[in-house]
Amino acid sequence: MTPWERKLWYDFLRDYPVRFQRQKPVGNYIVDFYCFKAKLVIELDGSQHYNKDDAIKDKIRTEKLKDFNLVVIRIPNNEVDENFEGVCEYIDNYVRSVVDF
């Protein structure tokens, strides 16, 4: 896991009331984080994801994951660094909007 993935996992998702898995195979991909109950994939993106070629690959990947009826949330690594609480609130708000717990 990257440092940003470790932070999100150990400081938030690992003990979240709804189960998340990390580095989960979905189809031909391995997603950063997966929540079955929320049908949610969370991908953390470093700067390499913002060049043209990788952005196109990410778009294709997201569309393929949507074919599994999943919602994909992409979060830039710098948001984990600069706005960790906001990232956690964003994830929590989404999960609470689709899962009763």
Protein backbone atom coordinates (compact mmCIF):
# COMPACT_ATOMS: atom_id res chain seq x y z
CA MET A 1 0.00 0.00 0.00
CA THR A 2 1.07 3.56 -0.61
CA PRO A 3 1.51 5.94 2.36
CA TRP A 4 -1.87 7.53 1.54
CA GLU A 5 -3.59 4.17 1.37
CA ARG A 6 -2.05 3.19 4.72
CA LYS A 7 -3.26 6.43 6.31
CA LEU A 8 -6.82 6.03 5.04
CA TRP A 9 -6.88 2.36 6.04
CA TYR A 10 -5.32 2.56 9.50
CA ASP A 11 -6.78 5.90 10.54
CA PHE A 12 -10.31 5.44 9.19
CA LEU A 13 -11.48 2.47 7.09
CA ARG A 14 -10.05 -0.41 9.13
CA ASP A 15 -12.39 0.28 12.06
CA TYR A 16 -15.27 1.75 10.08
CA PRO A 17 -18.66 0.28 11.13
CA VAL A 18 -19.29 -1.07 7.62
CA ARG A 19 -16.65 -3.51 6.39
CA PHE A 20 -14.12 -2.36 3.82
CA GLN A 21 -11.51 -4.54 2.13
CA ARG A 22 -8.20 -3.32 0.79
CA GLN A 23 -6.47 -4.37 -2.41
CA LYS A 24 -9.59 -6.28 -3.49
CA PRO A 25 -9.74 -7.99 -6.89
CA VAL A 26 -12.80 -6.87 -8.87
CA GLY A 27 -12.96 -8.26 -12.38
CA ASN A 28 -9.58 -7.70 -14.00
CA TYR A 29 -8.63 -4.95 -11.54
CA ILE A 30 -7.35 -4.68 -8.00
CA VAL A 31 -9.07 -1.76 -6.33
CA ASP A 32 -7.59 0.19 -3.45
CA PHE A 33 -10.65 -0.18 -1.18
CA TYR A 34 -13.95 -1.99 -1.61
CA CYS A 35 -17.17 -1.99 0.41
CA PHE A 36 -19.63 -4.71 -0.58
CA LYS A 37 -22.59 -3.29 1.38
CA ALA A 38 -22.24 0.16 -0.18
CA LYS A 39 -21.20 -1.20 -3.60
CA LEU A 40 -18.36 1.28 -3.36
CA VAL A 41 -14.81 1.40 -4.66
CA ILE A 42 -12.39 4.02 -3.38
CA GLU A 43 -9.33 4.74 -5.49
CA LEU A 44 -6.55 7.01 -4.26
CA ASP A 45 -4.79 8.77 -7.10
CA GLY A 46 -1.25 10.10 -7.17
CA SER A 47 -0.03 12.74 -9.59
CA GLN A 48 0.67 10.17 -12.31
CA HIS A 49 -3.10 9.72 -12.70
CA TYR A 50 -3.43 13.23 -14.07
CA ASN A 51 -1.39 12.88 -17.24
CA LYS A 52 -3.45 12.32 -20.38
CA ASP A 53 -2.70 8.62 -20.93
CA ASP A 54 -3.30 7.57 -17.32
CA ALA A 55 -6.43 9.71 -17.08
CA ILE A 56 -7.84 7.83 -20.09
CA LYS A 57 -6.93 4.47 -18.50
CA ASP A 58 -8.58 5.55 -15.24
CA LYS A 59 -11.74 6.55 -17.07
CA ILE A 60 -11.89 3.15 -18.78
CA ARG A 61 -11.22 1.40 -15.46
CA THR A 62 -13.98 3.38 -13.76
CA GLU A 63 -16.45 2.51 -16.51
CA LYS A 64 -15.56 -1.20 -16.27
CA LEU A 65 -16.08 -1.10 -12.49
CA LYS A 66 -19.45 0.59 -13.01
CA ASP A 67 -20.41 -2.44 -15.11
CA PHE A 68 -20.35 -4.34 -11.78
CA ASN A 69 -22.92 -1.81 -10.44
CA LEU A 70 -20.25 -0.17 -8.30
CA VAL A 71 -19.77 3.49 -7.51
CA VAL A 72 -16.17 4.63 -7.83
CA ILE A 73 -14.86 7.50 -5.73
CA ARG A 74 -11.47 8.82 -6.83
CA ILE A 75 -9.56 10.84 -4.23
CA PRO A 76 -6.28 12.60 -4.96
CA ASN A 77 -3.44 11.75 -2.58
CA ASN A 78 -2.95 15.42 -1.76
CA GLU A 79 -6.51 15.52 -0.36
CA VAL A 80 -5.55 12.77 2.07
CA ASP A 81 -2.57 14.92 3.12
CA GLU A 82 -4.29 18.29 3.23
CA ASN A 83 -7.92 17.49 4.08
CA PHE A 84 -8.02 14.08 5.74
CA GLU A 85 -11.04 14.89 7.89
CA GLY A 86 -12.94 16.09 4.82
CA VAL A 87 -12.04 12.91 2.91
CA CYS A 88 -13.33 10.79 5.79
CA GLU A 89 -16.54 12.83 6.03
CA TYR A 90 -17.09 12.51 2.27
CA ILE A 91 -16.73 8.71 2.41
CA ASP A 92 -18.87 8.47 5.54
CA ASN A 93 -21.63 10.63 4.04
CA TYR A 94 -21.73 8.51 0.91
CA VAL A 95 -21.83 5.20 2.80
CA ARG A 96 -24.52 6.46 5.17
CA SER A 97 -26.61 7.54 2.17
CA VAL A 98 -26.76 3.98 0.82
CA VAL A 99 -26.35 1.69 3.87
CA ASP A 100 -28.39 1.56 7.08
CA PHE A 101 -26.23 1.07 10.17
